[in-house]
């Protein structure tokens, strides 16, 4: 537990010191979500079901693509599956979902 607390303090300090870069990264996630959602507008109907499917695919595609990049690099080097693929996907999904919730709050 002490290690996790120390890691949390170190990561929080790193984020505070690099806040402009972190904001830019979150903005890229939101922009990528909007871009994919706009591309999917032509495929899905404008109704509620189409909007739900479009939002779901846009929300899930970016974390999986971002998780596949280090996985493919790891596979090319080690020729085995990257052990932290789903952890990366979850972290990116949580960051993206949080940014979208803040952006679209009413």
PDB file of N, CA and C in Angstrom:
ATOM      1  N   UNK A   1       0.814  -1.188   0.000  1.00  0.00           N
ATOM      2  CA  UNK A   1       0.000   0.000   0.000  1.00  0.00           C
ATOM      3  C   UNK A   1       0.860   1.254   0.000  1.00  0.00           C
ATOM      4  N   UNK A   2       1.968   1.221   0.673  1.00  0.00           N
ATOM      5  CA  UNK A   2       2.869   2.371   0.710  1.00  0.00           C
ATOM      6  C   UNK A   2       3.431   2.637  -0.687  1.00  0.00           C
ATOM      7  N   UNK A   3       3.758   1.566  -1.408  1.00  0.00           N
ATOM      8  CA  UNK A   3       4.283   1.734  -2.770  1.00  0.00           C
ATOM      9  C   UNK A   3       3.255   2.406  -3.662  1.00  0.00           C
ATOM     10  N   UNK A   4       1.990   2.012  -3.535  1.00  0.00           N
ATOM     11  CA  UNK A   4       0.943   2.614  -4.351  1.00  0.00           C
ATOM     12  C   UNK A   4       0.728   4.074  -3.990  1.00  0.00           C
ATOM     13  N   UNK A   5       0.808   4.398  -2.716  1.00  0.00           N
ATOM     14  CA  UNK A   5       0.671   5.779  -2.279  1.00  0.00           C
ATOM     15  C   UNK A   5       1.819   6.631  -2.804  1.00  0.00           C
ATOM     16  N   UNK A   6       3.036   6.114  -2.738  1.00  0.00           N
ATOM     17  CA  UNK A   6       4.196   6.833  -3.262  1.00  0.00           C
ATOM     18  C   UNK A   6       4.069   7.007  -4.775  1.00  0.00           C
ATOM     19  N   UNK A   7       3.634   5.963  -5.469  1.00  0.00           N
ATOM     20  CA  UNK A   7       3.443   6.064  -6.918  1.00  0.00           C
ATOM     21  C   UNK A   7       2.378   7.091  -7.250  1.00  0.00           C
ATOM     22  N   UNK A   8       1.302   7.137  -6.477  1.00  0.00           N
ATOM     23  CA  UNK A   8       0.242   8.120  -6.705  1.00  0.00           C
ATOM     24  C   UNK A   8       0.754   9.543  -6.516  1.00  0.00           C
ATOM     25  N   UNK A   9       1.555   9.760  -5.500  1.00  0.00           N
ATOM     26  CA  UNK A   9       2.121  11.091  -5.260  1.00  0.00           C
ATOM     27  C   UNK A   9       3.087  11.469  -6.379  1.00  0.00           C
ATOM     28  N   UNK A  10       3.911  10.545  -6.816  1.00  0.00           N
ATOM     29  CA  UNK A  10       4.871  10.827  -7.890  1.00  0.00           C
ATOM     30  C   UNK A  10       4.151  11.115  -9.197  1.00  0.00           C
ATOM     31  N   UNK A  11       3.154  10.301  -9.549  1.00  0.00           N
ATOM     32  CA  UNK A  11       2.406  10.536 -10.789  1.00  0.00           C
ATOM     33  C   UNK A  11       1.613  11.841 -10.727  1.00  0.00           C
ATOM     34  N   UNK A  12       1.047  12.162  -9.569  1.00  0.00           N
ATOM     35  CA  UNK A  12       0.307  13.418  -9.425  1.00  0.00           C
ATOM     36  C   UNK A  12       1.238  14.613  -9.584  1.00  0.00           C
ATOM     37  N   UNK A  13       2.415  14.528  -9.010  1.00  0.00           N
ATOM     38  CA  UNK A  13       3.398  15.604  -9.163  1.00  0.00           C
ATOM     39  C   UNK A  13       3.834  15.741 -10.612  1.00  0.00           C
ATOM     40  N   UNK A  14       4.043  14.627 -11.289  1.00  0.00           N
ATOM     41  CA  UNK A  14       4.435  14.676 -12.702  1.00  0.00           C
ATOM     42  C   UNK A  14       3.332  15.298 -13.558  1.00  0.00           C
ATOM     43  N   UNK A  15       2.078  14.981 -13.280  1.00  0.00           N
ATOM     44  CA  UNK A  15       0.972  15.570 -14.033  1.00  0.00           C
ATOM     45  C   UNK A  15       0.878  17.066 -13.771  1.00  0.00           C
ATOM     46  N   UNK A  16       1.034  17.474 -12.531  1.00  0.00           N
ATOM     47  CA  UNK A  16       0.972  18.905 -12.212  1.00  0.00           C
ATOM     48  C   UNK A  16       2.092  19.664 -12.911  1.00  0.00           C
ATOM     49  N   UNK A  17       3.281  19.084 -12.938  1.00  0.00           N
ATOM     50  CA  UNK A  17       4.408  19.758 -13.588  1.00  0.00           C
ATOM     51  C   UNK A  17       4.283  19.784 -15.109  1.00  0.00           C
ATOM     52  N   UNK A  18       3.547  18.839 -15.660  1.00  0.00           N
ATOM     53  CA  UNK A  18       3.398  18.800 -17.118  1.00  0.00           C
ATOM     54  C   UNK A  18       1.931  18.963 -17.519  1.00  0.00           C
ATOM     55  N   UNK A  19       1.234  19.865 -16.850  1.00  0.00           N
ATOM     56  CA  UNK A  19      -0.201  20.039 -17.066  1.00  0.00           C
ATOM     57  C   UNK A  19      -0.541  20.444 -18.498  1.00  0.00           C
ATOM     58  N   UNK A  20       0.242  21.291 -19.119  1.00  0.00           N
ATOM     59  CA  UNK A  20      -0.086  21.720 -20.477  1.00  0.00           C
ATOM     60  C   UNK A  20       0.013  20.549 -21.455  1.00  0.00           C
ATOM     61  N   UNK A  21       0.999  19.689 -21.258  1.00  0.00           N
ATOM     62  CA  UNK A  21       1.126  18.515 -22.121  1.00  0.00           C
ATOM     63  C   UNK A  21      -0.003  17.522 -21.864  1.00  0.00           C
ATOM     64  N   UNK A  22      -0.387  17.365 -20.604  1.00  0.00           N
ATOM     65  CA  UNK A  22      -1.487  16.462 -20.266  1.00  0.00           C
ATOM     66  C   UNK A  22      -2.798  16.979 -20.860  1.00  0.00           C
ATOM     67  N   UNK A  23      -3.008  18.286 -20.800  1.00  0.00           N
ATOM     68  CA  UNK A  23      -4.224  18.865 -21.388  1.00  0.00           C
ATOM     69  C   UNK A  23      -4.243  18.663 -22.896  1.00  0.00           C
ATOM     70  N   UNK A  24      -3.093  18.790 -23.516  1.00  0.00           N
ATOM     71  CA  UNK A  24      -3.007  18.576 -24.960  1.00  0.00           C
ATOM     72  C   UNK A  24      -3.298  17.110 -25.305  1.00  0.00           C
ATOM     73  N   UNK A  25      -2.813  16.180 -24.519  1.00  0.00           N
ATOM     74  CA  UNK A  25      -3.090  14.768 -24.752  1.00  0.00           C
ATOM     75  C   UNK A  25      -4.568  14.444 -24.598  1.00  0.00           C
ATOM     76  N   UNK A  26      -5.205  14.998 -23.577  1.00  0.00           N
ATOM     77  CA  UNK A  26      -6.641  14.783 -23.390  1.00  0.00           C
ATOM     78  C   UNK A  26      -7.418  15.421 -24.536  1.00  0.00           C
ATOM     79  N   UNK A  27      -6.971  16.588 -24.995  1.00  0.00           N
ATOM     80  CA  UNK A  27      -7.638  17.236 -26.126  1.00  0.00           C
ATOM     81  C   UNK A  27      -7.525  16.385 -27.387  1.00  0.00           C
ATOM     82  N   UNK A  28      -6.370  15.734 -27.582  1.00  0.00           N
ATOM     83  CA  UNK A  28      -6.209  14.825 -28.727  1.00  0.00           C
ATOM     84  C   UNK A  28      -7.185  13.658 -28.633  1.00  0.00           C
ATOM     85  N   UNK A  29      -7.375  13.118 -27.430  1.00  0.00           N
ATOM     86  CA  UNK A  29      -8.336  12.033 -27.254  1.00  0.00           C
ATOM     87  C   UNK A  29      -9.752  12.479 -27.615  1.00  0.00           C
ATOM     88  N   UNK A  30     -10.135  13.652 -27.151  1.00  0.00           N
ATOM     89  CA  UNK A  30     -11.477  14.166 -27.448  1.00  0.00           C
ATOM     90  C   UNK A  30     -11.620  14.462 -28.936  1.00  0.00           C
ATOM     91  N   UNK A  31     -10.592  15.044 -29.552  1.00  0.00           N
ATOM     92  CA  UNK A  31     -10.641  15.325 -30.988  1.00  0.00           C
ATOM     93  C   UNK A  31     -10.724  14.041 -31.810  1.00  0.00           C
ATOM     94  N   UNK A  32      -9.980  13.015 -31.395  1.00  0.00           N
ATOM     95  CA  UNK A  32     -10.032  11.730 -32.101  1.00  0.00           C
ATOM     96  C   UNK A  32     -11.416  11.105 -31.952  1.00  0.00           C
ATOM     97  N   UNK A  33     -12.009  11.218 -30.779  1.00  0.00           N
ATOM     98  CA  UNK A  33     -13.362  10.706 -30.566  1.00  0.00           C
ATOM     99  C   UNK A  33     -14.350  11.424 -31.483  1.00  0.00           C
ATOM    100  N   UNK A  34     -14.245  12.734 -31.554  1.00  0.00           N
ATOM    101  CA  UNK A  34     -15.142  13.503 -32.424  1.00  0.00           C
ATOM    102  C   UNK A  34     -14.935  13.137 -33.893  1.00  0.00           C
ATOM    103  N   UNK A  35     -13.689  12.929 -34.295  1.00  0.00           N
ATOM    104  CA  UNK A  35     -13.386  12.585 -35.686  1.00  0.00           C
ATOM    105  C   UNK A  35     -13.984  11.226 -36.055  1.00  0.00           C
ATOM    106  N   UNK A  36     -13.794  10.232 -35.185  1.00  0.00           N
ATOM    107  CA  UNK A  36     -14.344   8.905 -35.452  1.00  0.00           C
ATOM    108  C   UNK A  36     -15.867   8.954 -35.429  1.00  0.00           C
ATOM    109  N   UNK A  37     -16.437   9.680 -34.500  1.00  0.00           N
ATOM    110  CA  UNK A  37     -17.883   9.812 -34.440  1.00  0.00           C
ATOM    111  C   UNK A  37     -18.423  10.477 -35.702  1.00  0.00           C
ATOM    112  N   UNK A  38     -17.714  11.467 -36.216  1.00  0.00           N
ATOM    113  CA  UNK A  38     -18.138  12.128 -37.449  1.00  0.00           C
ATOM    114  C   UNK A  38     -18.044  11.175 -38.640  1.00  0.00           C
ATOM    115  N   UNK A  39     -16.994  10.366 -38.693  1.00  0.00           N
ATOM    116  CA  UNK A  39     -16.873   9.378 -39.770  1.00  0.00           C
ATOM    117  C   UNK A  39     -18.008   8.360 -39.727  1.00  0.00           C
ATOM    118  N   UNK A  40     -18.414   7.981 -38.533  1.00  0.00           N
ATOM    119  CA  UNK A  40     -19.463   6.975 -38.385  1.00  0.00           C
ATOM    120  C   UNK A  40     -20.858   7.538 -38.616  1.00  0.00           C
ATOM    121  N   UNK A  41     -20.982   8.854 -38.713  1.00  0.00           N
ATOM    122  CA  UNK A  41     -22.284   9.469 -38.969  1.00  0.00           C
ATOM    123  C   UNK A  41     -22.860   9.014 -40.300  1.00  0.00           C
ATOM    124  N   UNK A  42     -22.008   8.813 -41.293  1.00  0.00           N
ATOM    125  CA  UNK A  42     -22.467   8.372 -42.605  1.00  0.00           C
ATOM    126  C   UNK A  42     -22.928   6.912 -42.598  1.00  0.00           C
ATOM    127  N   UNK A  43     -22.464   6.125 -41.655  1.00  0.00           N
ATOM    128  CA  UNK A  43     -22.775   4.698 -41.622  1.00  0.00           C
ATOM    129  C   UNK A  43     -24.054   4.414 -40.842  1.00  0.00           C
ATOM    130  N   UNK A  44     -24.234   5.065 -39.701  1.00  0.00           N
ATOM    131  CA  UNK A  44     -25.359   4.780 -38.824  1.00  0.00           C
ATOM    132  C   UNK A  44     -26.492   5.772 -39.034  1.00  0.00           C
ATOM    133  N   UNK A  45     -27.691   5.329 -38.719  1.00  0.00           N
ATOM    134  CA  UNK A  45     -28.876   6.174 -38.877  1.00  0.00           C
ATOM    135  C   UNK A  45     -28.835   7.318 -37.858  1.00  0.00           C
ATOM    136  N   UNK A  46     -29.553   8.401 -38.150  1.00  0.00           N
ATOM    137  CA  UNK A  46     -29.522   9.544 -37.227  1.00  0.00           C
ATOM    138  C   UNK A  46     -30.415   9.364 -36.006  1.00  0.00           C
ATOM    139  N   UNK A  47     -31.083   8.242 -35.873  1.00  0.00           N
ATOM    140  CA  UNK A  47     -31.969   8.005 -34.736  1.00  0.00           C
ATOM    141  C   UNK A  47     -31.209   7.716 -33.455  1.00  0.00           C
ATOM    142  N   UNK A  48     -31.955   7.374 -32.419  1.00  0.00           N
ATOM    143  CA  UNK A  48     -31.361   7.120 -31.110  1.00  0.00           C
ATOM    144  C   UNK A  48     -30.472   5.873 -31.124  1.00  0.00           C
ATOM    145  N   UNK A  49     -30.913   4.808 -31.790  1.00  0.00           N
ATOM    146  CA  UNK A  49     -30.112   3.580 -31.845  1.00  0.00           C
ATOM    147  C   UNK A  49     -28.823   3.809 -32.627  1.00  0.00           C
ATOM    148  N   UNK A  50     -28.904   4.526 -33.734  1.00  0.00           N
ATOM    149  CA  UNK A  50     -27.701   4.825 -34.513  1.00  0.00           C
ATOM    150  C   UNK A  50     -26.736   5.704 -33.757  1.00  0.00           C
ATOM    151  N   UNK A  51     -27.280   6.670 -33.028  1.00  0.00           N
ATOM    152  CA  UNK A  51     -26.430   7.549 -32.221  1.00  0.00           C
ATOM    153  C   UNK A  51     -25.744   6.777 -31.099  1.00  0.00           C
ATOM    154  N   UNK A  52     -26.465   5.853 -30.483  1.00  0.00           N
ATOM    155  CA  UNK A  52     -25.888   5.021 -29.426  1.00  0.00           C
ATOM    156  C   UNK A  52     -24.773   4.135 -29.977  1.00  0.00           C
ATOM    157  N   UNK A  53     -25.013   3.498 -31.113  1.00  0.00           N
ATOM    158  CA  UNK A  53     -23.996   2.625 -31.726  1.00  0.00           C
ATOM    159  C   UNK A  53     -22.773   3.441 -32.139  1.00  0.00           C
ATOM    160  N   UNK A  54     -23.001   4.604 -32.714  1.00  0.00           N
ATOM    161  CA  UNK A  54     -21.892   5.474 -33.136  1.00  0.00           C
ATOM    162  C   UNK A  54     -21.052   5.906 -31.938  1.00  0.00           C
ATOM    163  N   UNK A  55     -21.719   6.320 -30.863  1.00  0.00           N
ATOM    164  CA  UNK A  55     -21.000   6.734 -29.659  1.00  0.00           C
ATOM    165  C   UNK A  55     -20.231   5.595 -29.015  1.00  0.00           C
ATOM    166  N   UNK A  56     -20.833   4.411 -29.009  1.00  0.00           N
ATOM    167  CA  UNK A  56     -20.181   3.240 -28.417  1.00  0.00           C
ATOM    168  C   UNK A  56     -18.922   2.857 -29.199  1.00  0.00           C
ATOM    169  N   UNK A  57     -19.036   2.803 -30.510  1.00  0.00           N
ATOM    170  CA  UNK A  57     -17.873   2.441 -31.331  1.00  0.00           C
ATOM    171  C   UNK A  57     -16.785   3.496 -31.217  1.00  0.00           C
ATOM    172  N   UNK A  58     -17.167   4.764 -31.215  1.00  0.00           N
ATOM    173  CA  UNK A  58     -16.174   5.836 -31.093  1.00  0.00           C
ATOM    174  C   UNK A  58     -15.483   5.793 -29.738  1.00  0.00           C
ATOM    175  N   UNK A  59     -16.232   5.473 -28.680  1.00  0.00           N
ATOM    176  CA  UNK A  59     -15.648   5.418 -27.348  1.00  0.00           C
ATOM    177  C   UNK A  59     -14.717   4.222 -27.165  1.00  0.00           C
ATOM    178  N   UNK A  60     -15.020   3.111 -27.828  1.00  0.00           N
ATOM    179  CA  UNK A  60     -14.216   1.899 -27.650  1.00  0.00           C
ATOM    180  C   UNK A  60     -13.034   1.801 -28.610  1.00  0.00           C
ATOM    181  N   UNK A  61     -13.123   2.428 -29.764  1.00  0.00           N
ATOM    182  CA  UNK A  61     -12.084   2.238 -30.780  1.00  0.00           C
ATOM    183  C   UNK A  61     -10.760   2.890 -30.409  1.00  0.00           C
ATOM    184  N   UNK A  62     -10.786   4.068 -29.837  1.00  0.00           N
ATOM    185  CA  UNK A  62      -9.535   4.777 -29.531  1.00  0.00           C
ATOM    186  C   UNK A  62      -8.703   4.039 -28.475  1.00  0.00           C
ATOM    187  N   UNK A  63      -9.282   3.586 -27.357  1.00  0.00           N
ATOM    188  CA  UNK A  63      -8.457   2.834 -26.405  1.00  0.00           C
ATOM    189  C   UNK A  63      -7.876   1.543 -26.990  1.00  0.00           C
ATOM    190  N   UNK A  64      -8.655   0.838 -27.816  1.00  0.00           N
ATOM    191  CA  UNK A  64      -8.126  -0.398 -28.404  1.00  0.00           C
ATOM    192  C   UNK A  64      -7.010  -0.106 -29.398  1.00  0.00           C
ATOM    193  N   UNK A  65      -7.156   0.934 -30.191  1.00  0.00           N
ATOM    194  CA  UNK A  65      -6.086   1.296 -31.130  1.00  0.00           C
ATOM    195  C   UNK A  65      -4.842   1.733 -30.359  1.00  0.00           C
ATOM    196  N   UNK A  66      -5.040   2.540 -29.326  1.00  0.00           N
ATOM    197  CA  UNK A  66      -3.897   2.989 -28.521  1.00  0.00           C
ATOM    198  C   UNK A  66      -3.245   1.828 -27.775  1.00  0.00           C
ATOM    199  N   UNK A  67      -4.010   0.834 -27.380  1.00  0.00           N
ATOM    200  CA  UNK A  67      -3.441  -0.340 -26.725  1.00  0.00           C
ATOM    201  C   UNK A  67      -2.750  -1.276 -27.702  1.00  0.00           C
ATOM    202  N   UNK A  68      -3.203  -1.288 -28.950  1.00  0.00           N
ATOM    203  CA  UNK A  68      -2.580  -2.163 -29.948  1.00  0.00           C
ATOM    204  C   UNK A  68      -1.191  -1.696 -30.363  1.00  0.00           C
ATOM    205  N   UNK A  69      -0.948  -0.407 -30.300  1.00  0.00           N
ATOM    206  CA  UNK A  69       0.355   0.111 -30.740  1.00  0.00           C
ATOM    207  C   UNK A  69       1.500  -0.469 -29.899  1.00  0.00           C
ATOM    208  N   UNK A  70       1.493  -0.340 -28.558  1.00  0.00           N
ATOM    209  CA  UNK A  70       2.590  -0.972 -27.807  1.00  0.00           C
ATOM    210  C   UNK A  70       2.556  -2.491 -27.869  1.00  0.00           C
ATOM    211  N   UNK A  71       1.359  -3.066 -28.040  1.00  0.00           N
ATOM    212  CA  UNK A  71       1.259  -4.521 -28.156  1.00  0.00           C
ATOM    213  C   UNK A  71       1.954  -5.015 -29.411  1.00  0.00           C
ATOM    214  N   UNK A  72       1.747  -4.336 -30.526  1.00  0.00           N
ATOM    215  CA  UNK A  72       2.406  -4.746 -31.773  1.00  0.00           C
ATOM    216  C   UNK A  72       3.916  -4.561 -31.700  1.00  0.00           C
ATOM    217  N   UNK A  73       4.367  -3.474 -31.087  1.00  0.00           N
ATOM    218  CA  UNK A  73       5.813  -3.262 -30.927  1.00  0.00           C
ATOM    219  C   UNK A  73       6.403  -4.357 -30.046  1.00  0.00           C
ATOM    220  N   UNK A  74       5.719  -4.677 -28.959  1.00  0.00           N
ATOM    221  CA  UNK A  74       6.181  -5.736 -28.060  1.00  0.00           C
ATOM    222  C   UNK A  74       6.213  -7.081 -28.779  1.00  0.00           C
ATOM    223  N   UNK A  75       5.172  -7.353 -29.594  1.00  0.00           N
ATOM    224  CA  UNK A  75       5.121  -8.616 -30.305  1.00  0.00           C
ATOM    225  C   UNK A  75       6.246  -8.720 -31.335  1.00  0.00           C
ATOM    226  N   UNK A  76       6.566  -7.623 -32.016  1.00  0.00           N
ATOM    227  CA  UNK A  76       7.651  -7.641 -33.001  1.00  0.00           C
ATOM    228  C   UNK A  76       8.981  -7.930 -32.315  1.00  0.00           C
ATOM    229  N   UNK A  77       9.175  -7.383 -31.127  1.00  0.00           N
ATOM    230  CA  UNK A  77      10.454  -7.570 -30.420  1.00  0.00           C
ATOM    231  C   UNK A  77      10.515  -8.922 -29.714  1.00  0.00           C
ATOM    232  N   UNK A  78       9.481  -9.272 -28.947  1.00  0.00           N
ATOM    233  CA  UNK A  78       9.519 -10.471 -28.108  1.00  0.00           C
ATOM    234  C   UNK A  78       8.831 -11.696 -28.711  1.00  0.00           C
ATOM    235  N   UNK A  79       7.998 -11.508 -29.719  1.00  0.00           N
ATOM    236  CA  UNK A  79       7.214 -12.589 -30.332  1.00  0.00           C
ATOM    237  C   UNK A  79       6.287 -13.272 -29.324  1.00  0.00           C
ATOM    238  N   UNK A  80       5.736 -12.484 -28.396  1.00  0.00           N
ATOM    239  CA  UNK A  80       4.737 -12.983 -27.460  1.00  0.00           C
ATOM    240  C   UNK A  80       3.738 -11.858 -27.177  1.00  0.00           C
ATOM    241  N   UNK A  81       2.607 -12.226 -26.572  1.00  0.00           N
ATOM    242  CA  UNK A  81       1.544 -11.268 -26.313  1.00  0.00           C
ATOM    243  C   UNK A  81       1.957 -10.299 -25.211  1.00  0.00           C
ATOM    244  N   UNK A  82       1.645  -9.035 -25.407  1.00  0.00           N
ATOM    245  CA  UNK A  82       1.926  -7.987 -24.427  1.00  0.00           C
ATOM    246  C   UNK A  82       1.043  -8.213 -23.198  1.00  0.00           C
ATOM    247  N   UNK A  83       1.621  -8.351 -22.012  1.00  0.00           N
ATOM    248  CA  UNK A  83       0.824  -8.742 -20.847  1.00  0.00           C
ATOM    249  C   UNK A  83      -0.090  -7.637 -20.297  1.00  0.00           C
ATOM    250  N   UNK A  84       0.126  -6.382 -20.659  1.00  0.00           N
ATOM    251  CA  UNK A  84      -0.643  -5.286 -20.059  1.00  0.00           C
ATOM    252  C   UNK A  84      -1.575  -4.605 -21.054  1.00  0.00           C
ATOM    253  N   UNK A  85      -2.001  -5.338 -22.078  1.00  0.00           N
ATOM    254  CA  UNK A  85      -2.866  -4.752 -23.104  1.00  0.00           C
ATOM    255  C   UNK A  85      -4.164  -4.201 -22.514  1.00  0.00           C
ATOM    256  N   UNK A  86      -4.883  -4.999 -21.761  1.00  0.00           N
ATOM    257  CA  UNK A  86      -6.173  -4.558 -21.227  1.00  0.00           C
ATOM    258  C   UNK A  86      -6.021  -3.453 -20.189  1.00  0.00           C
ATOM    259  N   UNK A  87      -4.931  -3.438 -19.443  1.00  0.00           N
ATOM    260  CA  UNK A  87      -4.710  -2.366 -18.481  1.00  0.00           C
ATOM    261  C   UNK A  87      -4.537  -1.029 -19.202  1.00  0.00           C
ATOM    262  N   UNK A  88      -3.804  -1.043 -20.313  1.00  0.00           N
ATOM    263  CA  UNK A  88      -3.632   0.174 -21.101  1.00  0.00           C
ATOM    264  C   UNK A  88      -4.968   0.620 -21.682  1.00  0.00           C
ATOM    265  N   UNK A  89      -5.737  -0.337 -22.185  1.00  0.00           N
ATOM    266  CA  UNK A  89      -7.051  -0.011 -22.749  1.00  0.00           C
ATOM    267  C   UNK A  89      -7.942   0.609 -21.680  1.00  0.00           C
ATOM    268  N   UNK A  90      -7.974   0.043 -20.484  1.00  0.00           N
ATOM    269  CA  UNK A  90      -8.808   0.584 -19.415  1.00  0.00           C
ATOM    270  C   UNK A  90      -8.371   1.982 -18.996  1.00  0.00           C
ATOM    271  N   UNK A  91      -7.081   2.199 -18.860  1.00  0.00           N
ATOM    272  CA  UNK A  91      -6.599   3.519 -18.445  1.00  0.00           C
ATOM    273  C   UNK A  91      -6.966   4.572 -19.487  1.00  0.00           C
ATOM    274  N   UNK A  92      -6.741   4.282 -20.746  1.00  0.00           N
ATOM    275  CA  UNK A  92      -7.078   5.244 -21.797  1.00  0.00           C
ATOM    276  C   UNK A  92      -8.585   5.443 -21.877  1.00  0.00           C
ATOM    277  N   UNK A  93      -9.361   4.364 -21.702  1.00  0.00           N
ATOM    278  CA  UNK A  93     -10.806   4.492 -21.723  1.00  0.00           C
ATOM    279  C   UNK A  93     -11.294   5.383 -20.584  1.00  0.00           C
ATOM    280  N   UNK A  94     -10.737   5.190 -19.389  1.00  0.00           N
ATOM    281  CA  UNK A  94     -11.145   6.003 -18.247  1.00  0.00           C
ATOM    282  C   UNK A  94     -10.805   7.477 -18.452  1.00  0.00           C
ATOM    283  N   UNK A  95      -9.625   7.750 -18.984  1.00  0.00           N
ATOM    284  CA  UNK A  95      -9.243   9.139 -19.256  1.00  0.00           C
ATOM    285  C   UNK A  95     -10.166   9.747 -20.305  1.00  0.00           C
ATOM    286  N   UNK A  96     -10.418   9.002 -21.361  1.00  0.00           N
ATOM    287  CA  UNK A  96     -11.276   9.505 -22.439  1.00  0.00           C
ATOM    288  C   UNK A  96     -12.713   9.705 -21.939  1.00  0.00           C
ATOM    289  N   UNK A  97     -13.239   8.742 -21.221  1.00  0.00           N
ATOM    290  CA  UNK A  97     -14.613   8.864 -20.709  1.00  0.00           C
ATOM    291  C   UNK A  97     -14.728  10.038 -19.752  1.00  0.00           C
ATOM    292  N   UNK A  98     -13.755  10.220 -18.894  1.00  0.00           N
ATOM    293  CA  UNK A  98     -13.766  11.359 -17.982  1.00  0.00           C
ATOM    294  C   UNK A  98     -13.718  12.685 -18.717  1.00  0.00           C
ATOM    295  N   UNK A  99     -12.878  12.767 -19.739  1.00  0.00           N
ATOM    296  CA  UNK A  99     -12.783  13.998 -20.529  1.00  0.00           C
ATOM    297  C   UNK A  99     -14.086  14.280 -21.265  1.00  0.00           C
ATOM    298  N   UNK A 100     -14.716  13.236 -21.795  1.00  0.00           N
ATOM    299  CA  UNK A 100     -15.989  13.430 -22.492  1.00  0.00           C
ATOM    300  C   UNK A 100     -17.103  13.829 -21.537  1.00  0.00           C
ATOM    301  N   UNK A 101     -17.095  13.267 -20.330  1.00  0.00           N
ATOM    302  CA  UNK A 101     -18.106  13.656 -19.347  1.00  0.00           C
ATOM    303  C   UNK A 101     -17.953  15.121 -18.948  1.00  0.00           C
ATOM    304  N   UNK A 102     -16.740  15.560 -18.779  1.00  0.00           N
ATOM    305  CA  UNK A 102     -16.507  16.969 -18.437  1.00  0.00           C
ATOM    306  C   UNK A 102     -16.889  17.865 -19.610  1.00  0.00           C
ATOM    307  N   UNK A 103     -16.594  17.436 -20.810  1.00  0.00           N
ATOM    308  CA  UNK A 103     -16.864  18.234 -22.004  1.00  0.00           C
ATOM    309  C   UNK A 103     -18.356  18.367 -22.264  1.00  0.00           C
ATOM    310  N   UNK A 104     -19.121  17.273 -22.101  1.00  0.00           N
ATOM    311  CA  UNK A 104     -20.532  17.270 -22.447  1.00  0.00           C
ATOM    312  C   UNK A 104     -21.477  17.422 -21.266  1.00  0.00           C
ATOM    313  N   UNK A 105     -20.982  17.870 -20.142  1.00  0.00           N
ATOM    314  CA  UNK A 105     -21.888  18.044 -19.002  1.00  0.00           C
ATOM    315  C   UNK A 105     -22.890  19.157 -19.322  1.00  0.00           C
ATOM    316  N   UNK A 106     -24.065  19.001 -18.797  1.00  0.00           N
ATOM    317  CA  UNK A 106     -25.134  19.968 -19.098  1.00  0.00           C
ATOM    318  C   UNK A 106     -25.305  20.975 -17.989  1.00  0.00           C
TER     319      UNK A 106
END
